[in-house]
Protein backbone atom coordinates (compact mmCIF):
# COMPACT_ATOMS: atom_id res chain seq x y z
CA UNK A 1 5.54 25.79 -35.81
CA UNK A 2 5.65 22.79 -33.48
CA UNK A 3 3.28 21.56 -30.83
CA UNK A 4 4.10 18.82 -28.36
CA UNK A 5 1.44 16.69 -26.73
CA UNK A 6 2.08 14.06 -24.08
CA UNK A 7 3.33 11.60 -26.72
CA UNK A 8 3.46 13.36 -30.05
CA UNK A 9 5.24 16.13 -31.92
CA UNK A 10 3.05 17.94 -34.44
CA UNK A 11 5.30 19.93 -36.80
CA UNK A 12 5.63 21.40 -40.25
CA UNK A 13 6.77 19.15 -43.06
CA UNK A 14 10.40 18.62 -44.08
CA UNK A 15 12.08 16.98 -47.06
CA UNK A 16 12.83 13.97 -44.84
CA UNK A 17 9.07 13.27 -44.59
CA UNK A 18 8.69 12.46 -48.28
CA UNK A 19 9.88 8.86 -48.10
CA UNK A 20 7.77 7.75 -45.13
CA UNK A 21 4.75 9.66 -46.44
CA UNK A 22 5.05 7.97 -49.83
CA UNK A 23 5.11 4.60 -48.04
CA UNK A 24 2.08 5.58 -45.93
CA UNK A 25 0.05 6.60 -48.98
CA UNK A 26 1.11 3.44 -50.83
CA UNK A 27 -0.40 1.19 -48.16
CA UNK A 28 -3.81 -0.15 -49.26
CA UNK A 29 -4.91 -0.60 -45.63
CA UNK A 30 -4.18 3.06 -44.83
CA UNK A 31 -5.90 4.34 -47.98
CA UNK A 32 -8.96 2.08 -48.06
CA UNK A 33 -11.28 4.75 -46.56
CA UNK A 34 -9.83 7.69 -48.52
CA UNK A 35 -12.01 8.56 -51.53
CA UNK A 36 -12.20 5.41 -53.71
CA UNK A 37 -9.57 3.56 -51.67
CA UNK A 38 -6.79 3.89 -54.23
CA UNK A 39 -3.19 4.23 -53.10
CA UNK A 40 -1.19 7.25 -54.24
CA UNK A 41 1.70 7.17 -56.66
CA UNK A 42 4.91 8.56 -55.11
CA UNK A 43 4.77 11.81 -57.10
CA UNK A 44 1.17 12.41 -55.97
CA UNK A 45 2.09 11.86 -52.32
CA UNK A 46 5.00 14.32 -52.58
CA UNK A 47 2.69 16.82 -54.30
CA UNK A 48 0.33 16.50 -51.33
CA UNK A 49 3.09 17.49 -48.94
CA UNK A 50 3.75 20.54 -51.08
CA UNK A 51 0.02 21.45 -50.95
CA UNK A 52 0.01 20.95 -47.18
CA UNK A 53 2.83 23.44 -46.82
CA UNK A 54 1.18 25.98 -49.17
CA UNK A 55 -1.98 25.68 -47.09
CA UNK A 56 0.01 26.61 -43.95
CA UNK A 57 1.49 29.62 -45.69
CA UNK A 58 -1.89 30.81 -46.94
CA UNK A 59 -4.07 30.19 -43.86
CA UNK A 60 -1.80 29.93 -40.81
CA UNK A 61 -3.08 26.43 -40.03
CA UNK A 62 -2.96 23.10 -41.80
CA UNK A 63 -1.94 19.48 -41.59
CA UNK A 64 1.06 18.75 -39.37
CA UNK A 65 3.50 15.91 -39.85
CA UNK A 66 3.24 13.78 -36.69
CA UNK A 67 6.07 12.02 -34.86
CA UNK A 68 6.15 9.92 -31.74
CA UNK A 69 8.20 11.86 -29.18
CA UNK A 70 9.94 8.84 -27.63
CA UNK A 71 11.23 7.38 -30.88
CA UNK A 72 11.07 10.20 -33.43
CA UNK A 73 9.14 7.88 -35.73
CA UNK A 74 7.02 9.54 -38.40
CA UNK A 75 3.50 8.21 -37.97
CA UNK A 76 1.44 10.30 -40.40
CA UNK A 77 -0.43 13.59 -40.30
CA UNK A 78 -3.15 15.39 -38.38
CA UNK A 79 -4.61 18.85 -38.48
CA UNK A 80 -6.92 21.17 -40.34
CA UNK A 81 -7.60 21.64 -44.05
CA UNK A 82 -10.32 22.71 -46.49
CA UNK A 83 -12.41 19.76 -47.81
CA UNK A 84 -12.90 21.12 -51.32
CA UNK A 85 -13.63 17.61 -52.58
CA UNK A 86 -17.06 17.94 -50.91
CA UNK A 87 -18.52 21.23 -52.23
CA UNK A 88 -21.77 20.90 -50.29
CA UNK A 89 -19.98 21.62 -46.97
CA UNK A 90 -17.92 24.57 -48.22
CA UNK A 91 -16.79 26.93 -46.88
CA UNK A 92 -15.55 24.68 -44.12
CA UNK A 93 -12.45 23.64 -42.21
CA UNK A 94 -11.99 19.90 -41.70
CA UNK A 95 -10.19 18.08 -38.92
CA UNK A 96 -8.35 15.12 -40.41
CA UNK A 97 -5.62 12.56 -39.80
CA UNK A 98 -3.88 9.67 -41.52
CA UNK A 99 -1.59 7.29 -39.63
CA UNK A 100 0.33 4.18 -40.50
CA UNK A 101 -1.30 0.87 -39.58
CA UNK A 102 1.38 0.15 -36.94
CA UNK A 103 0.18 3.24 -35.09
CA UNK A 104 -3.57 2.56 -35.13
CA UNK A 105 -5.42 1.92 -31.88
CA UNK A 106 -2.97 3.89 -29.73
CA UNK A 107 -5.05 7.05 -29.32
CA UNK A 108 -2.89 9.18 -31.62
CA UNK A 109 -5.86 10.39 -33.68
CA UNK A 110 -7.69 11.52 -30.53
CA UNK A 111 -4.59 13.13 -29.03
CA UNK A 112 -3.62 15.00 -32.18
CA UNK A 113 -7.23 15.80 -33.06
CA UNK A 114 -7.81 17.41 -29.66
CA UNK A 115 -4.68 19.50 -30.19
CA UNK A 116 -5.69 20.54 -33.71
CA UNK A 117 -9.16 21.61 -32.50
CA UNK A 118 -7.63 23.67 -29.73
CA UNK A 119 -5.27 25.29 -32.20
CA UNK A 120 -8.07 25.96 -34.68
CA UNK A 121 -10.35 27.57 -32.15
CA UNK A 122 -7.83 29.33 -29.90
CA UNK A 123 -5.03 30.29 -32.32
CA UNK A 124 -6.61 30.40 -35.76
CA UNK A 125 -9.90 31.90 -34.54
CA UNK A 126 -12.15 29.35 -36.20
CA UNK A 127 -15.76 29.09 -35.07
CA UNK A 128 -16.64 25.69 -36.56
CA UNK A 129 -14.72 22.61 -37.59
CA UNK A 130 -16.10 19.56 -39.36
CA UNK A 131 -14.86 16.01 -39.68
CA UNK A 132 -15.61 13.72 -42.61
CA UNK A 133 -15.35 9.96 -42.55
CA UNK A 134 -16.32 7.09 -44.79
CA UNK A 135 -19.48 5.66 -43.21
CA UNK A 136 -17.83 2.25 -42.80
CA UNK A 137 -14.76 3.76 -41.06
CA UNK A 138 -16.09 3.19 -37.55
CA UNK A 139 -12.76 3.99 -35.89
CA UNK A 140 -12.62 7.49 -37.40
CA UNK A 141 -16.16 8.52 -36.60
CA UNK A 142 -15.74 7.20 -33.07
CA UNK A 143 -12.67 9.42 -32.65
CA UNK A 144 -14.77 12.39 -33.78
CA UNK A 145 -17.41 11.52 -31.23
CA UNK A 146 -14.74 11.27 -28.48
CA UNK A 147 -13.65 14.75 -29.46
CA UNK A 148 -17.18 16.05 -28.85
CA UNK A 149 -18.14 16.30 -32.51
CA UNK A 150 -21.75 15.53 -33.42
CA UNK A 151 -23.20 14.10 -36.62
CA UNK A 152 -24.29 16.98 -38.84
CA UNK A 153 -25.26 15.02 -41.97
CA UNK A 154 -24.74 11.96 -44.08
CA UNK A 155 -23.93 12.35 -47.75
CA UNK A 156 -22.12 10.65 -50.62
CA UNK A 157 -18.56 11.31 -51.82
CA UNK A 158 -19.13 13.06 -55.19
CA UNK A 159 -16.14 11.41 -56.88
CA UNK A 160 -16.06 7.97 -55.28
CA UNK A 161 -19.76 7.40 -54.61
CA UNK A 162 -19.17 6.08 -51.07
CA UNK A 163 -21.38 7.07 -48.12
CA UNK A 164 -19.87 9.67 -45.79
CA UNK A 165 -20.59 10.99 -42.32
CA UNK A 166 -19.99 14.68 -41.63
CA UNK A 167 -19.48 15.68 -38.03
CA UNK A 168 -19.13 19.16 -36.56
CA UNK A 169 -18.09 21.06 -33.47
CA UNK A 170 -18.08 24.70 -32.57
CA UNK A 171 -15.86 27.00 -30.56
CA UNK A 172 -17.09 27.61 -27.05
CA UNK A 173 -18.60 31.07 -26.64
């Protein structure tokens, strides 16, 4: 399962993704808005990749590994998952992304997010997708707004105690 956008390749995960993903999840700047801001140990990052792949097998959608087409560089992930860490929104499907700092500000979140929403609505048959962002992560909630998502609620991360914004969008009838 691969999807190409103008600049990106969204694809399933491979063993070669482990090393760059471990580095991504070990970067405090990348992780500062994820839960309590802690970086992930290498084994935990690898275990996430395994969960991402199981999600694909179970649901037919999930989080893609993302590469830049021109260079083949691994930049992070984007796609759809279930935000079980926030029980108050369940059942729900969340649009999410995580990119390396060197790839911020280049429109990759918007480009891959638009593709993931299209896939979710058109291929996976979803009716609603949410997005969740740390309230202080202005860049992420602005991407959600660019994608046509609207603020559905504010809440608090149950494990980390940080304020969150929950956005939503619906399939067109």
